[in-house]
Protein backbone atom coordinates (compact mmCIF):
# COMPACT_ATOMS: atom_id res chain seq x y z
CA UNK A 1 74.95 86.80 83.69
CA UNK A 2 76.38 89.76 85.56
CA UNK A 3 74.17 91.93 87.73
CA UNK A 4 73.45 95.55 86.66
CA UNK A 5 76.50 97.72 87.18
CA UNK A 6 76.80 100.24 89.98
CA UNK A 7 77.12 102.95 87.37
CA UNK A 8 73.83 102.01 85.72
CA UNK A 9 72.03 101.74 89.02
CA UNK A 10 73.42 105.05 90.26
CA UNK A 11 72.39 106.79 87.05
CA UNK A 12 68.77 105.86 87.73
CA UNK A 13 68.73 107.41 91.20
CA UNK A 14 66.30 110.29 91.84
CA UNK A 15 67.91 113.68 92.49
CA UNK A 16 66.22 114.38 95.82
CA UNK A 17 68.22 113.88 98.98
CA UNK A 18 71.55 114.09 97.20
CA UNK A 19 74.54 113.73 99.49
CA UNK A 20 77.99 115.18 98.80
CA UNK A 21 80.45 112.43 98.02
CA UNK A 22 84.25 112.71 98.25
CA UNK A 23 84.57 113.00 94.47
CA UNK A 24 82.19 115.97 94.36
CA UNK A 25 78.96 114.46 92.99
CA UNK A 26 75.82 112.77 94.30
CA UNK A 27 76.52 109.62 96.26
CA UNK A 28 75.50 106.31 94.75
CA UNK A 29 72.74 104.95 96.97
CA UNK A 30 70.87 101.87 95.82
CA UNK A 31 68.15 99.79 97.37
CA UNK A 32 68.36 96.02 97.77
CA UNK A 33 66.71 95.41 94.40
CA UNK A 34 69.26 97.48 92.49
CA UNK A 35 72.47 96.22 93.99
CA UNK A 36 72.89 97.50 97.54
CA UNK A 37 74.80 94.38 98.53
CA UNK A 38 77.11 94.70 95.55
CA UNK A 39 77.63 98.35 96.42
CA UNK A 40 78.54 97.40 99.99
CA UNK A 41 80.97 94.75 98.75
CA UNK A 42 82.79 97.12 96.41
CA UNK A 43 82.66 100.02 98.84
CA UNK A 44 83.56 98.48 102.19
CA UNK A 45 86.37 96.18 101.13
CA UNK A 46 88.61 98.48 99.11
CA UNK A 47 90.83 98.46 102.20
CA UNK A 48 91.12 96.48 105.43
CA UNK A 49 90.61 93.24 103.51
CA UNK A 50 90.44 90.33 105.98
CA UNK A 51 93.84 88.82 106.75
CA UNK A 52 92.33 85.44 107.52
CA UNK A 53 92.81 82.07 105.82
CA UNK A 54 89.30 82.35 104.31
CA UNK A 55 88.73 86.08 103.75
CA UNK A 56 85.77 85.73 101.39
CA UNK A 57 83.92 83.72 104.02
CA UNK A 58 84.55 86.52 106.50
CA UNK A 59 83.20 89.06 103.99
CA UNK A 60 80.14 86.89 103.37
CA UNK A 61 79.46 86.74 107.10
CA UNK A 62 79.73 90.52 107.41
CA UNK A 63 77.33 91.04 104.49
CA UNK A 64 75.05 88.19 105.61
CA UNK A 65 75.27 86.41 102.25
CA UNK A 66 76.61 83.12 100.98
CA UNK A 67 80.32 82.95 100.20
CA UNK A 68 79.39 81.70 96.73
CA UNK A 69 77.64 85.06 96.11
CA UNK A 70 80.82 86.94 97.05
CA UNK A 71 82.87 84.77 94.68
CA UNK A 72 80.39 85.17 91.81
CA UNK A 73 79.96 88.93 92.26
CA UNK A 74 83.70 89.62 92.36
CA UNK A 75 84.32 87.31 89.40
CA UNK A 76 81.67 89.20 87.43
CA UNK A 77 83.12 92.59 88.36
CA UNK A 78 86.59 91.42 87.32
CA UNK A 79 85.27 90.06 84.04
CA UNK A 80 83.37 93.21 83.05
CA UNK A 81 86.14 95.59 84.10
CA UNK A 82 84.57 97.32 87.10
CA UNK A 83 87.26 95.78 89.32
CA UNK A 84 90.92 95.70 88.32
CA UNK A 85 91.94 93.14 90.92
CA UNK A 86 91.68 92.19 94.56
CA UNK A 87 95.07 92.78 96.07
CA UNK A 88 97.77 94.98 97.50
CA UNK A 89 98.54 98.58 96.53
CA UNK A 90 102.19 99.24 97.36
CA UNK A 91 103.33 102.71 98.29
CA UNK A 92 105.39 104.28 95.48
CA UNK A 93 109.09 103.82 96.12
CA UNK A 94 108.60 101.15 98.77
CA UNK A 95 109.64 98.05 96.82
CA UNK A 96 110.76 99.53 93.51
CA UNK A 97 111.09 102.81 91.63
CA UNK A 98 108.58 104.58 89.43
CA UNK A 99 107.88 107.75 87.54
CA UNK A 100 105.06 109.57 85.84
CA UNK A 101 106.05 110.30 82.25
CA UNK A 102 104.54 111.94 79.21
CA UNK A 103 104.95 112.08 75.45
CA UNK A 104 103.96 114.80 73.00
CA UNK A 105 102.55 112.76 70.11
CA UNK A 106 100.97 114.04 66.89
CA UNK A 107 97.28 112.98 66.81
CA UNK A 108 97.77 110.83 63.74
CA UNK A 109 100.43 108.79 65.56
CA UNK A 110 98.73 108.55 68.94
CA UNK A 111 97.13 105.11 68.56
CA UNK A 112 100.42 103.51 67.50
CA UNK A 113 102.42 105.22 70.23
CA UNK A 114 99.84 104.35 72.90
CA UNK A 115 99.87 100.69 71.89
CA UNK A 116 103.66 100.65 71.99
CA UNK A 117 103.72 102.18 75.47
CA UNK A 118 100.96 99.90 76.78
CA UNK A 119 102.84 96.83 75.58
CA UNK A 120 105.66 97.56 78.01
CA UNK A 121 105.48 95.44 81.16
CA UNK A 122 106.84 98.37 83.16
CA UNK A 123 103.79 100.53 82.31
CA UNK A 124 100.69 100.16 84.49
CA UNK A 125 98.65 103.27 83.60
CA UNK A 126 98.50 104.89 80.17
CA UNK A 127 96.10 107.75 79.37
CA UNK A 128 95.44 110.31 76.67
CA UNK A 129 95.07 113.81 78.17
CA UNK A 130 94.18 117.25 76.81
CA UNK A 131 97.55 118.94 76.39
CA UNK A 132 100.50 119.21 74.03
CA UNK A 133 101.92 116.40 76.14
CA UNK A 134 98.98 114.15 75.40
CA UNK A 135 100.08 110.63 76.35
CA UNK A 136 100.67 110.10 80.08
CA UNK A 137 101.85 106.89 81.68
CA UNK A 138 103.29 105.50 84.89
CA UNK A 139 106.30 103.20 84.66
CA UNK A 140 107.72 101.04 87.45
CA UNK A 141 110.83 98.91 87.75
CA UNK A 142 112.83 97.10 90.42
CA UNK A 143 115.58 99.74 90.33
CA UNK A 144 116.61 103.01 88.69
CA UNK A 145 118.77 101.54 85.88
CA UNK A 146 115.91 99.27 84.83
CA UNK A 147 113.49 102.21 84.81
CA UNK A 148 115.88 104.36 82.78
CA UNK A 149 116.28 101.51 80.30
CA UNK A 150 112.50 101.21 79.93
CA UNK A 151 112.10 104.93 79.25
CA UNK A 152 114.90 104.82 76.71
CA UNK A 153 113.20 101.88 74.97
CA UNK A 154 109.90 103.78 74.85
CA UNK A 155 111.69 106.76 73.25
CA UNK A 156 113.31 104.47 70.71
CA UNK A 157 110.20 102.44 69.86
CA UNK A 158 107.73 105.34 69.68
CA UNK A 159 110.08 107.88 68.15
CA UNK A 160 109.07 110.40 70.84
CA UNK A 161 111.21 111.27 73.86
CA UNK A 162 109.33 111.16 77.17
CA UNK A 163 109.63 113.70 79.94
CA UNK A 164 110.07 111.95 83.30
CA UNK A 165 108.49 113.45 86.41
CA UNK A 166 109.54 111.32 89.39
CA UNK A 167 107.74 111.63 92.70
CA UNK A 168 109.32 113.96 95.26
CA UNK A 169 106.68 113.96 98.03
CA UNK A 170 103.44 111.99 98.37
CA UNK A 171 100.66 113.89 100.13
CA UNK A 172 97.79 111.61 99.12
CA UNK A 173 97.87 108.63 96.75
CA UNK A 174 94.98 106.24 97.19
CA UNK A 175 92.32 106.11 94.45
CA UNK A 176 89.86 104.40 96.74
CA UNK A 177 86.28 105.53 96.05
CA UNK A 178 83.53 106.01 98.62
CA UNK A 179 80.32 105.01 96.84
CA UNK A 180 78.03 105.99 99.73
CA UNK A 181 79.40 109.46 100.38
CA UNK A 182 79.94 108.78 104.06
CA UNK A 183 83.44 110.23 104.17
CA UNK A 184 84.60 106.98 105.75
CA UNK A 185 87.96 107.07 104.04
CA UNK A 186 88.77 110.60 105.14
CA UNK A 187 90.23 109.40 108.42
CA UNK A 188 93.18 107.95 106.50
CA UNK A 189 94.14 111.49 105.48
CA UNK A 190 94.96 112.45 109.05
CA UNK A 191 98.64 111.53 108.91
CA UNK A 192 101.03 114.46 109.09
CA UNK A 193 103.83 115.24 106.69
CA UNK A 194 104.56 113.82 103.27
CA UNK A 195 106.23 110.59 102.28
CA UNK A 196 109.43 111.58 100.50
CA UNK A 197 110.47 109.38 97.61
CA UNK A 198 114.05 108.24 97.23
CA UNK A 199 116.19 107.17 94.31
CA UNK A 200 116.15 103.51 95.33
CA UNK A 201 113.54 101.20 96.88
CA UNK A 202 112.99 101.67 100.59
CA UNK A 203 112.63 97.96 101.36
CA UNK A 204 115.23 95.36 100.43
CA UNK A 205 113.26 92.26 99.49
CA UNK A 206 114.46 88.75 100.19
CA UNK A 207 114.17 86.15 97.44
CA UNK A 208 111.01 84.82 99.09
CA UNK A 209 109.59 88.33 99.38
CA UNK A 210 110.27 88.97 95.71
CA UNK A 211 108.45 85.78 94.72
CA UNK A 212 105.54 86.83 96.91
CA UNK A 213 105.39 90.30 95.37
CA UNK A 214 105.47 88.84 91.86
CA UNK A 215 102.50 86.59 92.65
CA UNK A 216 100.61 89.35 94.45
CA UNK A 217 100.84 91.50 91.32
CA UNK A 218 98.28 89.20 89.72
CA UNK A 219 95.81 89.82 92.56
CA UNK A 220 94.22 87.45 95.03
CA UNK A 221 92.42 84.56 93.32
CA UNK A 222 88.69 84.20 93.93
CA UNK A 223 88.92 80.90 95.78
CA UNK A 224 88.05 79.85 99.31
CA UNK A 225 91.65 80.11 100.57
CA UNK A 226 93.39 82.72 98.39
CA UNK A 227 96.39 83.25 100.68
CA UNK A 228 97.15 79.54 100.58
CA UNK A 229 96.98 79.66 96.77
CA UNK A 230 99.32 82.66 96.74
CA UNK A 231 101.67 80.84 99.11
CA UNK A 232 101.81 77.73 96.96
CA UNK A 233 102.70 79.73 93.85
CA UNK A 234 105.32 81.78 95.72
CA UNK A 235 106.77 78.63 97.35
CA UNK A 236 106.25 79.91 100.90
CA UNK A 237 103.80 79.02 103.66
CA UNK A 238 100.38 80.56 104.13
CA UNK A 239 101.54 81.80 107.54
CA UNK A 240 104.45 83.57 105.83
CA UNK A 241 102.08 85.33 103.42
CA UNK A 242 99.73 86.48 106.18
CA UNK A 243 102.60 87.65 108.40
CA UNK A 244 104.32 89.54 105.58
CA UNK A 245 101.13 91.28 104.49
CA UNK A 246 100.32 92.29 108.08
CA UNK A 247 103.85 93.64 108.57
CA UNK A 248 103.89 95.56 105.28
CA UNK A 249 100.49 97.08 106.04
CA UNK A 250 101.62 98.11 109.53
CA UNK A 251 104.77 99.77 108.15
CA UNK A 252 102.97 101.50 105.29
CA UNK A 253 104.80 99.51 102.61
CA UNK A 254 101.34 98.46 101.43
CA UNK A 255 98.98 101.44 101.37
CA UNK A 256 95.86 99.34 101.26
CA UNK A 257 94.79 95.75 100.70
CA UNK A 258 91.45 95.10 99.09
CA UNK A 259 89.28 95.55 96.03
CA UNK A 260 90.80 97.88 93.42
CA UNK A 261 88.03 99.42 91.35
CA UNK A 262 88.16 101.02 87.91
CA UNK A 263 86.50 104.40 88.29
CA UNK A 264 85.55 104.81 84.63
CA UNK A 265 83.63 101.54 84.53
CA UNK A 266 81.75 102.63 87.66
CA UNK A 267 80.57 105.89 86.15
CA UNK A 268 83.31 108.34 87.19
CA UNK A 269 84.34 109.15 83.65
CA UNK A 270 85.66 112.68 84.23
CA UNK A 271 89.11 113.03 85.74
CA UNK A 272 91.35 116.04 85.64
CA UNK A 273 95.03 116.22 86.45
CA UNK A 274 95.46 119.74 87.83
CA UNK A 275 99.00 121.08 88.03
CA UNK A 276 100.58 124.24 89.41
CA UNK A 277 104.01 125.83 89.39
CA UNK A 278 104.54 126.53 93.10
CA UNK A 279 107.79 127.44 94.82
CA UNK A 280 109.35 124.34 96.33
CA UNK A 281 109.28 126.08 99.72
CA UNK A 282 105.46 126.39 99.55
CA UNK A 283 104.49 123.34 97.53
CA UNK A 284 104.39 120.83 100.37
CA UNK A 285 102.33 123.09 102.65
CA UNK A 286 99.79 123.64 99.89
CA UNK A 287 99.89 119.98 98.88
CA UNK A 288 99.20 118.83 102.44
CA UNK A 289 96.17 121.15 102.61
CA UNK A 290 94.77 120.03 99.25
CA UNK A 291 95.28 116.37 100.17
CA UNK A 292 92.71 116.70 102.96
CA UNK A 293 90.02 118.13 100.69
CA UNK A 294 87.01 116.08 99.59
CA UNK A 295 87.21 115.31 95.90
CA UNK A 296 91.00 115.11 95.80
CA UNK A 297 91.98 111.55 94.93
CA UNK A 298 95.70 112.15 94.35
CA UNK A 299 98.03 114.92 95.51
CA UNK A 300 101.81 114.97 95.28
CA UNK A 301 104.88 116.98 94.35
CA UNK A 302 106.97 115.87 91.39
CA UNK A 303 110.25 116.97 89.93
CA UNK A 304 109.97 119.48 87.10
CA UNK A 305 111.30 118.72 83.60
CA UNK A 306 112.51 122.13 82.48
CA UNK A 307 112.16 123.73 80.03
CA UNK A 308 109.33 121.48 78.80
CA UNK A 309 107.37 121.08 82.05
CA UNK A 310 107.37 123.78 84.73
CA UNK A 311 104.73 122.33 87.09
CA UNK A 312 105.61 120.57 90.34
CA UNK A 313 102.35 120.26 92.35
CA UNK A 314 99.80 117.73 91.08
CA UNK A 315 96.22 117.15 92.19
CA UNK A 316 93.74 114.67 90.68
CA UNK A 317 89.99 115.20 90.75
CA UNK A 318 87.45 112.57 89.71
CA UNK A 319 83.74 112.99 89.04
CA UNK A 320 80.79 111.63 87.10
CA UNK A 321 80.97 114.48 84.59
CA UNK A 322 83.20 117.35 83.58
CA UNK A 323 81.09 120.18 85.09
CA UNK A 324 81.22 118.49 88.50
CA UNK A 325 85.00 118.35 88.36
CA UNK A 326 85.30 121.92 87.07
CA UNK A 327 83.05 123.18 89.86
CA UNK A 328 85.12 121.43 92.51
CA UNK A 329 88.35 122.79 91.03
CA UNK A 330 86.91 126.32 91.09
CA UNK A 331 86.02 125.87 94.76
CA UNK A 332 89.55 124.75 95.60
CA UNK A 333 91.04 127.58 93.55
CA UNK A 334 89.03 130.12 95.53
CA UNK A 335 89.75 128.55 98.91
CA UNK A 336 93.51 128.37 98.38
CA UNK A 337 94.06 131.26 95.96
CA UNK A 338 95.42 128.82 93.41
CA UNK A 339 95.08 131.35 90.59
CA UNK A 340 98.23 133.01 91.95
CA UNK A 341 100.23 130.14 90.48
CA UNK A 342 100.78 129.26 86.82
CA UNK A 343 98.64 126.20 86.16
CA UNK A 344 97.16 123.75 83.67
CA UNK A 345 94.21 121.35 83.74
CA UNK A 346 94.57 118.11 81.80
CA UNK A 347 91.32 116.15 81.48
CA UNK A 348 91.70 112.54 80.41
CA UNK A 349 90.25 111.47 77.08
CA UNK A 350 91.01 107.76 76.82
CA UNK A 351 92.43 105.08 79.09
CA UNK A 352 94.69 102.75 77.14
CA UNK A 353 95.92 100.67 80.08
CA UNK A 354 95.14 100.36 83.77
CA UNK A 355 96.51 97.67 86.04
CA UNK A 356 98.55 97.32 89.20
CA UNK A 357 102.25 98.14 89.24
CA UNK A 358 104.27 95.11 88.16
CA UNK A 359 107.72 95.35 89.65
CA UNK A 360 108.47 91.78 88.59
CA UNK A 361 107.01 92.29 85.10
CA UNK A 362 105.19 88.97 85.15
CA UNK A 363 102.57 90.00 82.63
CA UNK A 364 101.92 92.71 80.07
CA UNK A 365 98.38 91.70 79.18
CA UNK A 366 96.48 92.66 82.33
CA UNK A 367 94.57 95.89 82.22
CA UNK A 368 94.99 96.58 78.52
CA UNK A 369 92.01 94.92 76.83
CA UNK A 370 88.94 97.06 76.17
CA UNK A 371 90.29 100.14 77.96
CA UNK A 372 90.83 102.11 74.77
CA UNK A 373 87.08 102.36 74.39
CA UNK A 374 86.50 103.43 78.01
């Protein structure tokens, strides 16, 4: 039997002593009886996951619990959808190519089109949003021709041509959530400048690296020695896995290594994709400023798709409810005079698929089940 979810426990919290959290709502604070240890596990290990032969034992020692409790709690969170996986989040463009894309689908055809898109191995996120372009997805591939082929297949199979909005500059892409409102993750925003995406992967992978990436896409197994298990499946040594992960983290190829949570299952059901049409000369300055703001979980510049899509600056806000997100957006609009720029706000309605990017396309099933009802 799984323990009560963080979302349920947080919903029962009293209003007094509320603390501002990075997503703009009251922080989830729970006592020991309502899941404080589980909160610590899911909060503290979204990044900086131990690069040790027995990482779960190291986590158990830090939390002062049995390793078996760590295994059982993570297995439960994976099973009930609060956690997507334990693993690596690669920086966009580092080991493959990707794009955000959208379809304008008549409401009566949306379920069929969404299922068709979600069935593609190249697609890792697929959402319905409030807009004429109402089906939004992220597609990844090892190279540009493979990505173009996937988009063409989606157009053919759905009967609707997607607009493709490839990344130009990454100001902040993380989607880690701070459940205690401490601001602990803000220090990672201190880097200067944007990561500029190219037309081909930044890192040329060896055959062994490619096997490792393909196995990592499934996430770390919940076993005593997960890196050894990964190594055996990738036909490399455990030392090779640990050295590669350390090197990729140091170079920024991997943005973070740790627990990847699903925000909707943890109570953050409101998310808005806010977009503006900003001159290219000003977009990166504004994007860099927005990226440092509490409540901003994603911020980047993308290529326009004229005449259908004029917007180039994107900012994602997450919250427990729509008014919280709308309030935070209004604050940002005032602070940065965002109303000067043509804009749109696209709240999500349904999540059809959510999983890690699969550059090797090992599986199409992960992340799809039960999300349509989220």
